[in-house]
N, C-alpha and C. Protein backbone atom coordinates (compact mmCIF):
# COMPACT_ATOMS: atom_id res chain seq x y z
N MET A 1 124.16 199.57 -31.26
CA MET A 1 124.32 198.69 -31.66
C MET A 1 124.36 197.76 -32.68
N ASP A 2 125.46 198.44 -33.63
CA ASP A 2 126.03 197.79 -35.07
C ASP A 2 126.91 196.55 -34.80
N ASN A 3 127.90 196.82 -33.31
CA ASN A 3 128.65 196.15 -32.91
C ASN A 3 128.38 194.50 -33.12
N VAL A 4 127.12 194.94 -32.55
CA VAL A 4 126.68 192.99 -31.95
C VAL A 4 126.89 192.67 -33.20
N SER A 5 126.86 193.13 -34.59
CA SER A 5 126.48 192.21 -35.76
C SER A 5 128.06 192.16 -36.18
N GLU A 6 129.05 192.88 -36.00
CA GLU A 6 130.49 192.05 -36.05
C GLU A 6 130.89 191.55 -35.76
N VAL A 7 130.67 191.59 -33.75
CA VAL A 7 130.84 190.53 -33.12
C VAL A 7 130.23 188.84 -33.74
N ALA A 8 129.58 189.47 -34.52
CA ALA A 8 128.55 187.81 -34.12
C ALA A 8 129.13 187.27 -35.76
N SER A 9 129.70 188.39 -37.30
CA SER A 9 130.20 188.58 -37.70
C SER A 9 132.14 187.29 -37.64
N GLN A 10 132.04 188.17 -36.86
CA GLN A 10 133.86 187.82 -36.81
C GLN A 10 134.29 186.22 -35.85
N THR A 11 133.26 185.43 -35.65
CA THR A 11 133.28 184.41 -34.83
C THR A 11 132.90 182.94 -35.98
N PRO A 12 133.54 182.72 -36.19
CA PRO A 12 133.07 181.21 -37.13
C PRO A 12 132.46 180.00 -36.73
N VAL A 13 132.74 179.91 -35.62
CA VAL A 13 132.68 178.49 -34.74
C VAL A 13 130.85 178.30 -34.57
N ARG A 14 130.63 179.69 -34.40
CA ARG A 14 129.18 178.61 -34.23
C ARG A 14 128.44 178.93 -34.78
N SER A 15 127.27 178.08 -35.22
CA SER A 15 126.37 178.93 -36.51
C SER A 15 125.38 179.52 -37.12
N ARG A 16 125.29 179.48 -37.86
CA ARG A 16 124.62 181.08 -37.83
C ARG A 16 123.00 181.12 -37.59
N GLU A 17 122.67 180.10 -37.35
CA GLU A 17 120.84 179.91 -37.37
C GLU A 17 121.25 181.05 -35.36
N PHE A 18 122.38 179.76 -35.14
CA PHE A 18 122.26 180.42 -33.29
C PHE A 18 122.35 181.74 -33.45
N GLU A 19 123.32 182.26 -34.12
CA GLU A 19 123.27 184.11 -34.03
C GLU A 19 122.14 184.07 -34.47
N GLU A 20 121.58 184.11 -35.53
CA GLU A 20 120.47 184.98 -35.23
C GLU A 20 119.39 184.75 -34.60
N GLN A 21 119.15 183.52 -34.35
CA GLN A 21 118.09 183.43 -32.96
C GLN A 21 118.06 184.36 -31.86
N VAL A 22 119.58 183.95 -31.67
CA VAL A 22 120.29 185.07 -31.01
C VAL A 22 119.67 186.99 -31.19
N LEU A 23 120.19 187.24 -32.20
CA LEU A 23 119.76 188.64 -32.44
C LEU A 23 118.26 188.95 -32.80
N GLU A 24 117.26 187.80 -32.62
CA GLU A 24 116.50 187.93 -32.83
C GLU A 24 115.17 188.90 -31.63
N HIS A 25 115.81 188.31 -30.70
CA HIS A 25 115.36 188.81 -29.17
C HIS A 25 115.91 190.10 -29.08
N LEU A 26 116.44 191.28 -29.94
CA LEU A 26 118.02 192.18 -29.82
C LEU A 26 116.44 193.11 -29.17
N ASP A 27 115.34 193.30 -29.93
CA ASP A 27 114.43 194.33 -29.45
C ASP A 27 114.18 194.33 -28.26
N LEU A 28 113.83 193.39 -28.07
CA LEU A 28 113.29 192.73 -26.46
C LEU A 28 114.13 192.90 -25.18
N LEU A 29 115.47 192.15 -26.04
CA LEU A 29 116.36 192.58 -24.66
C LEU A 29 116.56 194.30 -24.16
N TYR A 30 116.63 195.37 -25.45
CA TYR A 30 117.14 196.46 -25.31
C TYR A 30 115.97 197.54 -24.61
N ALA A 31 114.12 196.78 -24.66
CA ALA A 31 113.09 197.16 -23.92
C ALA A 31 113.27 196.41 -22.63
N VAL A 32 113.86 195.30 -22.54
CA VAL A 32 114.20 195.54 -20.71
C VAL A 32 114.79 195.93 -20.23
N ALA A 33 115.74 196.10 -20.78
CA ALA A 33 117.04 196.39 -20.26
C ALA A 33 116.53 197.89 -20.12
N LEU A 34 116.06 198.79 -21.06
CA LEU A 34 115.50 200.73 -21.08
C LEU A 34 114.53 200.19 -19.15
N ARG A 35 114.06 199.40 -19.35
CA ARG A 35 113.49 199.27 -18.07
C ARG A 35 113.98 199.56 -16.75
N LEU A 36 115.11 198.14 -16.83
CA LEU A 36 115.80 198.29 -15.46
C LEU A 36 117.14 199.46 -15.64
N THR A 37 117.16 199.54 -16.44
CA THR A 37 117.73 201.62 -16.55
C THR A 37 117.86 202.06 -16.19
N ARG A 38 116.70 202.75 -16.99
CA ARG A 38 116.07 203.80 -17.20
C ARG A 38 116.89 204.98 -17.65
N ASN A 39 117.56 204.66 -18.68
CA ASN A 39 118.63 205.39 -18.82
C ASN A 39 119.02 204.30 -20.64
N PRO A 40 118.45 205.19 -22.03
CA PRO A 40 118.58 204.80 -23.19
C PRO A 40 119.78 204.21 -23.31
N ALA A 41 121.07 205.49 -23.21
CA ALA A 41 122.94 204.90 -23.36
C ALA A 41 123.13 203.68 -22.32
N ASP A 42 122.21 203.81 -21.36
CA ASP A 42 122.49 202.48 -20.65
C ASP A 42 122.52 201.34 -21.16
N ALA A 43 121.34 201.32 -21.41
CA ALA A 43 120.05 200.58 -21.60
C ALA A 43 120.95 199.35 -22.87
N GLU A 44 121.06 200.39 -24.40
CA GLU A 44 122.01 200.48 -25.22
C GLU A 44 123.39 199.15 -24.80
N ASP A 45 124.12 200.06 -24.21
CA ASP A 45 125.20 199.00 -23.04
C ASP A 45 124.61 197.91 -22.76
N LEU A 46 124.00 197.03 -22.10
CA LEU A 46 123.57 196.55 -20.88
C LEU A 46 122.69 195.15 -22.17
N ALA A 47 122.27 195.73 -23.42
CA ALA A 47 121.94 194.54 -24.47
C ALA A 47 122.78 194.32 -25.19
N GLN A 48 123.88 195.37 -25.12
CA GLN A 48 124.96 194.94 -26.27
C GLN A 48 125.41 194.28 -25.82
N SER A 49 125.50 193.70 -24.60
CA SER A 49 127.00 192.99 -23.53
C SER A 49 126.10 192.44 -23.75
N THR A 50 124.92 192.16 -23.94
CA THR A 50 124.06 190.52 -23.54
C THR A 50 124.33 189.67 -24.49
N ILE A 51 123.73 190.39 -25.36
CA ILE A 51 124.21 189.70 -27.08
C ILE A 51 125.59 188.97 -27.30
N VAL A 52 126.72 189.53 -26.63
CA VAL A 52 128.18 189.49 -26.68
C VAL A 52 128.08 188.37 -25.59
N LYS A 53 127.71 188.38 -24.34
CA LYS A 53 127.98 187.56 -23.88
C LYS A 53 127.31 186.10 -24.42
N ALA A 54 126.23 186.58 -24.54
CA ALA A 54 125.41 185.11 -25.45
C ALA A 54 126.29 184.62 -26.58
N LEU A 55 126.94 185.05 -27.58
CA LEU A 55 127.19 185.08 -28.60
C LEU A 55 128.86 183.96 -28.30
N ARG A 56 129.28 184.86 -27.22
CA ARG A 56 130.32 184.32 -26.70
C ARG A 56 130.50 182.77 -25.67
N PHE A 57 129.49 182.42 -25.17
CA PHE A 57 129.15 181.67 -24.53
C PHE A 57 128.08 180.99 -24.97
N HIS A 58 127.70 181.12 -26.38
CA HIS A 58 126.66 179.87 -26.84
C HIS A 58 127.06 177.82 -26.74
N ASP A 59 128.43 178.10 -26.19
CA ASP A 59 128.81 176.74 -26.11
C ASP A 59 128.24 176.47 -24.72
N HIS A 60 127.80 176.97 -24.22
CA HIS A 60 126.75 176.90 -22.97
C HIS A 60 125.16 176.92 -23.10
N PHE A 61 125.05 176.41 -24.00
CA PHE A 61 123.69 176.93 -24.05
C PHE A 61 122.84 175.37 -24.90
N LYS A 62 122.13 175.06 -23.96
CA LYS A 62 121.83 173.91 -24.29
C LYS A 62 120.69 173.97 -25.14
N ALA A 63 120.59 172.72 -25.86
CA ALA A 63 119.85 172.74 -27.11
C ALA A 63 118.39 172.27 -26.67
N GLY A 64 117.37 172.63 -27.02
CA GLY A 64 116.07 172.48 -26.67
C GLY A 64 115.58 173.69 -25.02
N THR A 65 116.34 174.50 -24.72
CA THR A 65 116.50 175.36 -24.14
C THR A 65 115.28 176.86 -24.63
N TYR A 66 114.87 177.21 -23.52
CA TYR A 66 114.17 178.04 -24.08
C TYR A 66 115.47 179.45 -24.53
N ILE A 67 115.30 180.11 -25.29
CA ILE A 67 116.73 180.65 -25.69
C ILE A 67 116.37 182.25 -25.25
N LYS A 68 114.78 182.78 -25.51
CA LYS A 68 114.24 184.20 -24.87
C LYS A 68 114.49 183.13 -22.79
N ALA A 69 113.86 182.84 -22.54
CA ALA A 69 114.74 182.74 -20.59
C ALA A 69 116.09 182.90 -20.65
N TRP A 70 116.90 182.31 -21.70
CA TRP A 70 118.28 182.09 -21.16
C TRP A 70 119.01 183.08 -21.52
N LEU A 71 118.72 184.33 -22.79
CA LEU A 71 118.80 185.57 -22.67
C LEU A 71 118.82 187.01 -21.60
N LEU A 72 117.82 186.58 -21.26
CA LEU A 72 116.84 187.08 -19.83
C LEU A 72 117.51 187.31 -18.78
N THR A 73 117.94 185.56 -18.90
CA THR A 73 118.75 185.46 -17.14
C THR A 73 120.30 186.17 -17.51
N ILE A 74 120.83 185.68 -19.35
CA ILE A 74 122.25 186.57 -18.91
C ILE A 74 122.25 188.67 -18.70
N LEU A 75 121.12 189.12 -19.15
CA LEU A 75 120.53 189.95 -19.24
C LEU A 75 120.68 190.39 -17.29
N ARG A 76 119.88 190.32 -16.79
CA ARG A 76 119.50 190.16 -15.27
C ARG A 76 120.91 189.80 -14.80
N ASN A 77 121.80 189.11 -15.10
CA ASN A 77 122.98 188.84 -14.09
C ASN A 77 123.86 189.83 -14.54
N THR A 78 123.97 190.17 -15.77
CA THR A 78 124.58 191.04 -16.11
C THR A 78 123.94 192.24 -15.56
N PHE A 79 123.13 193.08 -15.71
CA PHE A 79 122.62 194.39 -14.54
C PHE A 79 122.82 194.21 -13.46
N ILE A 80 122.37 193.47 -12.70
CA ILE A 80 122.72 192.87 -11.22
C ILE A 80 124.20 192.94 -10.82
N ASN A 81 125.16 192.38 -11.91
CA ASN A 81 127.28 192.24 -11.54
C ASN A 81 127.37 193.49 -11.59
N GLU A 82 126.66 194.29 -12.74
CA GLU A 82 126.96 195.43 -12.99
C GLU A 82 126.54 196.47 -11.88
N TYR A 83 125.03 196.41 -11.36
CA TYR A 83 125.11 197.46 -9.97
C TYR A 83 125.67 196.87 -8.90
N ARG A 84 126.60 196.10 -8.76
CA ARG A 84 127.05 195.10 -6.99
C ARG A 84 129.27 195.82 -8.14
N ARG A 85 128.25 195.80 -8.54
CA ARG A 85 130.32 196.80 -9.07
C ARG A 85 130.09 198.05 -8.72
N ARG A 86 129.24 198.71 -9.45
CA ARG A 86 129.22 200.29 -8.91
C ARG A 86 128.69 200.67 -7.79
N VAL A 87 128.09 200.10 -6.57
CA VAL A 87 128.24 199.87 -5.37
C VAL A 87 129.74 200.03 -4.53
N ARG A 88 129.87 198.99 -5.61
CA ARG A 88 131.52 199.01 -4.30
C ARG A 88 133.12 198.96 -4.72
N ARG A 89 132.12 200.61 -5.97
CA ARG A 89 133.37 201.23 -6.47
C ARG A 89 132.62 202.43 -5.71
N PRO A 90 134.02 203.40 -5.20
CA PRO A 90 133.75 204.80 -4.37
C PRO A 90 133.64 205.10 -5.38
N MET A 91 132.68 206.10 -4.60
CA MET A 91 131.97 207.43 -5.24
C MET A 91 132.81 208.73 -5.30
N THR A 92 133.40 209.25 -6.18
CA THR A 92 133.49 211.05 -6.07
C THR A 92 133.30 211.81 -6.89
N VAL A 93 133.22 212.85 -6.21
CA VAL A 93 132.14 213.52 -6.54
C VAL A 93 132.83 214.82 -6.08
N GLU A 94 133.03 215.82 -6.75
CA GLU A 94 133.29 217.09 -6.79
C GLU A 94 132.38 218.28 -6.69
N LEU A 95 131.86 218.87 -5.47
CA LEU A 95 130.88 219.32 -5.36
C LEU A 95 131.48 220.93 -4.52
N THR A 96 130.82 222.06 -5.08
CA THR A 96 130.64 223.09 -4.94
C THR A 96 129.74 223.90 -3.63
N GLY A 97 129.03 222.53 -3.73
CA GLY A 97 128.27 222.87 -2.15
C GLY A 97 126.82 224.01 -3.52
N LEU A 98 126.55 224.34 -4.68
CA LEU A 98 125.46 224.80 -4.87
C LEU A 98 124.06 222.99 -5.53
N GLU A 99 125.34 222.10 -5.70
CA GLU A 99 124.28 221.64 -6.60
C GLU A 99 123.54 220.50 -5.88
N ALA A 100 123.45 219.44 -6.30
CA ALA A 100 122.58 218.11 -5.32
C ALA A 100 123.00 217.09 -6.17
N ALA A 101 123.67 215.84 -5.67
CA ALA A 101 124.58 214.81 -6.10
C ALA A 101 123.44 213.85 -6.96
N GLU A 102 123.83 213.27 -7.89
CA GLU A 102 122.63 212.39 -8.54
C GLU A 102 123.03 211.31 -7.87
N GLU A 103 121.49 210.09 -8.04
CA GLU A 103 121.81 208.86 -7.67
C GLU A 103 122.46 208.13 -8.41
N THR A 104 122.87 207.12 -7.92
CA THR A 104 123.86 206.52 -8.67
C THR A 104 123.29 204.73 -9.24
N HIS A 105 122.20 205.13 -8.34
CA HIS A 105 121.46 203.57 -8.36
C HIS A 105 120.84 203.10 -8.96
N PRO A 106 119.78 201.53 -9.68
CA PRO A 106 119.01 201.86 -10.27
C PRO A 106 117.96 202.17 -9.35
N HIS A 107 116.71 202.33 -10.01
CA HIS A 107 115.14 202.87 -8.82
C HIS A 107 114.38 201.66 -8.16
N GLU A 108 114.13 201.99 -7.27
CA GLU A 108 114.17 201.21 -6.52
C GLU A 108 112.63 199.77 -6.95
N GLU A 109 111.97 200.81 -8.25
CA GLU A 109 110.79 200.54 -8.55
C GLU A 109 110.77 199.06 -9.44
N ALA A 110 112.54 199.20 -9.81
CA ALA A 110 112.94 198.09 -10.97
C ALA A 110 112.13 197.26 -10.98
N PRO A 111 111.99 196.63 -11.85
CA PRO A 111 110.98 195.18 -11.77
C PRO A 111 112.14 193.88 -11.95
N ALA A 112 112.66 192.98 -11.49
CA ALA A 112 113.18 192.10 -11.47
C ALA A 112 112.79 191.51 -12.85
N HIS A 113 111.52 191.40 -13.19
CA HIS A 113 111.91 190.84 -14.64
C HIS A 113 110.96 191.61 -15.47
N ALA A 114 111.14 192.31 -16.94
CA ALA A 114 110.68 193.51 -17.62
C ALA A 114 109.88 192.36 -18.43
N VAL A 115 109.37 193.17 -19.41
CA VAL A 115 108.27 192.61 -20.18
C VAL A 115 108.49 193.46 -21.69
N ARG A 116 107.83 192.72 -22.91
CA ARG A 116 108.52 193.57 -24.11
C ARG A 116 107.65 194.88 -23.46
N ALA A 117 107.63 196.13 -23.87
CA ALA A 117 106.91 196.96 -23.82
C ALA A 117 105.81 197.40 -24.56
N ASP A 118 105.49 196.24 -26.34
CA ASP A 118 104.87 196.33 -26.89
C ASP A 118 102.98 195.30 -26.47
N LEU A 119 104.41 194.79 -25.58
CA LEU A 119 102.83 194.06 -24.84
C LEU A 119 101.80 194.45 -23.19
N MET A 120 103.37 195.56 -23.43
CA MET A 120 101.97 196.05 -22.24
C MET A 120 101.55 197.90 -22.84
N GLU A 121 101.76 198.02 -23.84
CA GLU A 121 101.28 199.20 -24.60
C GLU A 121 100.27 198.92 -24.95
N LEU A 122 99.66 197.17 -24.93
CA LEU A 122 97.95 196.67 -25.61
C LEU A 122 97.11 197.23 -23.89
N LEU A 123 97.93 196.93 -23.01
CA LEU A 123 97.13 196.60 -21.87
C LEU A 123 96.33 198.58 -21.55
N ASP A 124 95.14 198.26 -21.22
CA ASP A 124 94.05 199.60 -20.20
C ASP A 124 95.24 199.76 -19.37
N ASP A 125 95.13 201.12 -19.09
CA ASP A 125 95.36 202.11 -17.88
C ASP A 125 95.57 201.46 -16.36
N GLU A 126 94.07 200.35 -16.38
CA GLU A 126 93.64 200.28 -14.97
C GLU A 126 94.73 198.46 -15.08
N VAL A 127 94.44 198.24 -15.89
CA VAL A 127 94.82 196.77 -15.87
C VAL A 127 97.29 197.51 -15.46
N LYS A 128 97.29 198.07 -16.60
CA LYS A 128 98.55 198.26 -16.39
C LYS A 128 99.43 198.94 -14.96
N GLN A 129 97.86 199.57 -13.60
CA GLN A 129 98.38 200.48 -12.17
C GLN A 129 98.07 199.13 -11.95
N ALA A 130 96.99 198.06 -11.94
CA ALA A 130 96.81 196.82 -10.79
C ALA A 130 98.31 195.77 -11.19
N LEU A 131 98.84 195.55 -12.14
CA LEU A 131 99.94 194.91 -12.60
C LEU A 131 101.57 195.32 -12.07
N ASP A 132 101.27 196.35 -11.62
CA ASP A 132 102.35 197.79 -11.09
C ASP A 132 101.99 197.75 -9.46
N ALA A 133 100.97 197.66 -9.47
CA ALA A 133 100.40 197.45 -7.69
C ALA A 133 101.33 196.48 -6.79
N LEU A 134 101.19 195.06 -7.91
CA LEU A 134 101.85 193.75 -7.68
C LEU A 134 102.62 193.54 -6.39
N PRO A 135 103.10 193.16 -5.98
CA PRO A 135 104.64 192.72 -5.44
C PRO A 135 105.53 192.28 -6.53
N PRO A 136 106.75 192.53 -6.67
CA PRO A 136 107.25 192.38 -7.93
C PRO A 136 107.59 190.50 -8.16
N ASP A 137 108.12 189.78 -7.11
CA ASP A 137 107.79 188.32 -7.69
C ASP A 137 106.46 187.88 -8.29
N PHE A 138 105.81 188.64 -7.90
CA PHE A 138 104.09 187.84 -8.21
C PHE A 138 104.16 188.57 -9.46
N ARG A 139 103.82 190.12 -9.86
CA ARG A 139 104.61 190.34 -11.12
C ARG A 139 105.17 190.32 -12.05
N GLY A 140 106.14 189.40 -12.15
CA GLY A 140 107.36 189.39 -12.76
C GLY A 140 106.73 187.90 -13.09
N ALA A 141 105.98 186.75 -12.63
CA ALA A 141 105.87 185.58 -12.92
C ALA A 141 104.04 185.22 -13.71
N VAL A 142 103.61 186.45 -13.21
CA VAL A 142 102.19 187.01 -13.54
C VAL A 142 102.56 187.23 -15.39
N ILE A 143 103.90 187.92 -15.80
CA ILE A 143 103.46 189.20 -17.14
C ILE A 143 104.01 187.79 -17.92
N MET A 144 105.34 186.34 -17.28
CA MET A 144 105.77 186.04 -18.26
C MET A 144 104.85 184.57 -18.39
N ALA A 145 103.81 184.43 -17.59
CA ALA A 145 103.46 183.41 -17.68
C ALA A 145 101.83 184.05 -18.89
N ASP A 146 101.27 184.83 -18.30
CA ASP A 146 100.32 185.23 -19.14
C ASP A 146 100.46 186.17 -20.48
N LEU A 147 101.39 187.15 -20.16
CA LEU A 147 101.72 187.71 -21.05
C LEU A 147 102.34 187.47 -22.49
N GLU A 148 103.66 187.13 -22.07
CA GLU A 148 105.17 186.67 -22.47
C GLU A 148 104.30 185.02 -23.22
N GLU A 149 103.20 184.41 -22.13
CA GLU A 149 102.71 182.61 -22.77
C GLU A 149 104.11 181.99 -22.43
N MET A 150 105.24 182.50 -21.23
CA MET A 150 106.22 180.82 -20.69
C MET A 150 106.09 180.08 -19.95
N SER A 151 106.41 178.84 -19.56
CA SER A 151 105.94 177.99 -19.22
C SER A 151 106.77 177.73 -18.16
N TYR A 152 105.88 177.21 -16.88
CA TYR A 152 106.61 177.40 -15.74
C TYR A 152 107.51 176.66 -15.25
N LYS A 153 108.46 176.29 -16.16
CA LYS A 153 109.93 175.80 -16.31
C LYS A 153 110.59 176.72 -16.53
N ASP A 154 110.12 177.36 -17.50
CA ASP A 154 111.02 178.68 -18.06
C ASP A 154 111.17 179.47 -17.33
N ILE A 155 109.58 179.92 -16.75
CA ILE A 155 110.39 180.91 -15.22
C ILE A 155 110.91 180.59 -13.91
N ALA A 156 110.79 179.60 -14.18
CA ALA A 156 111.53 179.22 -12.71
C ALA A 156 113.05 179.00 -13.00
N GLU A 157 113.11 179.10 -14.78
CA GLU A 157 114.70 179.07 -14.76
C GLU A 157 115.03 180.64 -14.89
N VAL A 158 113.52 181.10 -15.28
CA VAL A 158 114.48 183.05 -15.57
C VAL A 158 114.22 183.61 -13.64
N MET A 159 113.66 182.91 -13.06
CA MET A 159 113.58 183.95 -11.74
C MET A 159 113.84 183.24 -10.33
N ARG A 160 114.84 181.42 -11.26
CA ARG A 160 116.04 180.95 -10.62
C ARG A 160 115.02 180.61 -8.91
N CYS A 161 114.24 180.21 -8.71
CA CYS A 161 113.44 179.71 -8.15
C CYS A 161 113.08 178.40 -8.31
N PRO A 162 112.19 176.88 -7.27
CA PRO A 162 111.69 176.29 -8.15
C PRO A 162 110.59 176.15 -8.31
N LEU A 163 109.61 175.12 -9.06
CA LEU A 163 108.45 175.96 -9.73
C LEU A 163 107.31 175.27 -9.48
N GLY A 164 107.48 174.38 -7.82
CA GLY A 164 106.20 175.46 -6.58
C GLY A 164 106.24 176.61 -6.41
N THR A 165 107.39 177.39 -6.26
CA THR A 165 106.86 178.50 -6.37
C THR A 165 106.74 179.48 -7.21
N VAL A 166 106.65 179.23 -8.16
CA VAL A 166 106.37 179.94 -9.31
C VAL A 166 105.31 180.11 -9.47
N MET A 167 104.44 178.45 -9.27
CA MET A 167 103.05 178.50 -9.45
C MET A 167 101.96 178.29 -7.77
N SER A 168 102.79 179.23 -6.46
CA SER A 168 102.47 180.28 -6.02
C SER A 168 102.33 180.81 -5.99
N ARG A 169 103.24 181.71 -7.01
CA ARG A 169 104.01 182.41 -6.55
C ARG A 169 101.97 183.57 -8.21
N LEU A 170 102.10 183.06 -8.45
CA LEU A 170 101.52 182.81 -10.34
C LEU A 170 99.81 183.12 -9.22
N TYR A 171 99.90 181.80 -8.34
CA TYR A 171 98.49 182.04 -7.22
C TYR A 171 97.74 183.20 -7.32
N ARG A 172 98.57 183.42 -6.05
CA ARG A 172 98.42 184.78 -5.60
C ARG A 172 98.35 185.66 -6.53
N GLY A 173 99.41 186.32 -7.63
CA GLY A 173 99.17 187.18 -8.06
C GLY A 173 98.27 187.64 -8.75
N ARG A 174 97.36 186.14 -9.81
CA ARG A 174 96.58 186.43 -10.36
C ARG A 174 95.06 186.71 -9.43
N LYS A 175 94.86 186.06 -8.10
CA LYS A 175 93.79 186.31 -7.10
C LYS A 175 93.82 187.61 -6.85
N LEU A 176 95.02 188.69 -6.38
CA LEU A 176 95.41 189.97 -6.50
C LEU A 176 95.50 190.93 -7.44
N LEU A 177 95.04 190.20 -8.73
CA LEU A 177 95.02 191.02 -10.15
C LEU A 177 93.04 191.21 -9.90
N ARG A 178 92.75 189.74 -9.36
CA ARG A 178 91.25 189.66 -9.73
C ARG A 178 90.55 190.53 -8.75
N GLU A 179 90.83 190.54 -7.38
CA GLU A 179 90.43 191.53 -6.46
C GLU A 179 90.17 192.80 -7.35
N ALA A 180 91.23 193.14 -7.56
CA ALA A 180 91.89 194.89 -8.24
C ALA A 180 90.95 195.07 -8.92
N LEU A 181 91.08 194.47 -9.56
CA LEU A 181 90.38 194.38 -11.27
C LEU A 181 88.83 193.77 -10.98
N GLN A 182 88.07 193.99 -10.29
CA GLN A 182 86.74 193.04 -9.87
C GLN A 182 85.57 194.52 -10.48
N GLN A 183 86.24 195.28 -10.30
CA GLN A 183 85.20 196.70 -10.86
C GLN A 183 85.32 196.32 -12.41
N TYR A 184 86.26 196.79 -13.03
CA TYR A 184 86.75 196.66 -14.31
C TYR A 184 86.08 196.23 -14.58
N ALA A 185 86.55 194.51 -14.65
CA ALA A 185 85.85 193.90 -15.23
C ALA A 185 84.76 193.59 -15.27
N GLY A 186 83.42 194.13 -14.28
CA GLY A 186 82.23 194.37 -14.77
C GLY A 186 81.80 195.53 -15.22
N GLU A 187 82.35 196.20 -15.17
CA GLU A 187 81.94 197.56 -15.98
C GLU A 187 82.11 196.67 -17.50
N ARG A 188 82.69 195.98 -17.82
CA ARG A 188 83.09 195.82 -19.21
C ARG A 188 82.37 194.40 -19.79
N GLY A 189 81.07 193.79 -18.61
CA GLY A 189 81.43 192.93 -18.99
C GLY A 189 81.90 191.25 -18.96
N LEU A 190 82.67 191.64 -18.09
CA LEU A 190 83.56 190.33 -18.00
C LEU A 190 83.49 189.18 -17.21
N THR A 191 82.89 189.95 -16.01
CA THR A 191 82.65 188.82 -15.29
C THR A 191 81.00 187.87 -15.78
N PRO A 192 81.54 186.82 -14.53
CA PRO A 192 80.24 185.74 -15.01
C PRO A 192 78.66 185.96 -14.90
N ALA A 193 77.94 186.15 -15.20
CA ALA A 193 76.44 186.70 -14.75
C ALA A 193 76.23 185.89 -13.12
N ARG A 194 76.35 185.86 -12.13
CA ARG A 194 75.59 185.10 -10.87
C ARG A 194 74.29 185.31 -10.67
N PRO A 195 73.87 184.30 -10.80
CA PRO A 195 71.97 183.79 -10.53
C PRO A 195 71.39 184.22 -9.38
């Protein structure tokens, strides 16, 4: 990923501050890309492509926009476009009849919106399992709101849906989590005392 620094230094038009803001999120982009691709080399390529596109199209960034949401949108769109390109491209494989062909599409369970790996590592296994059991749209909304502390507006931008839909997904996702973690909370004294 050293190429990213080279690309950043070759274009004097954009501000150094903007470049630093973009590069500040490199670790997050790699973590999200790794969750989407499930392959370190592909994740590195995806994160690098995202940075290059962000730097190349810096003039599309509107001041006051949440840069992390903007970068995650670029990453998500790049991942989707690459997936579509691979699906359309005919697959050629030479088989001798003895080996199984590898799947070339991403894992079905790959979340639409991944989060920082360091935040997920702070959660207990029961909480991680409850989050993973949520439908993908609910999981994404809950993670972005409650772990990454993103605003509803920023979540709506990333998920490309109306604000009301974000609020609905959060409500339903949190309700499912409460139900799934009721015993967990009780065992740790996290539920309010009932009269």
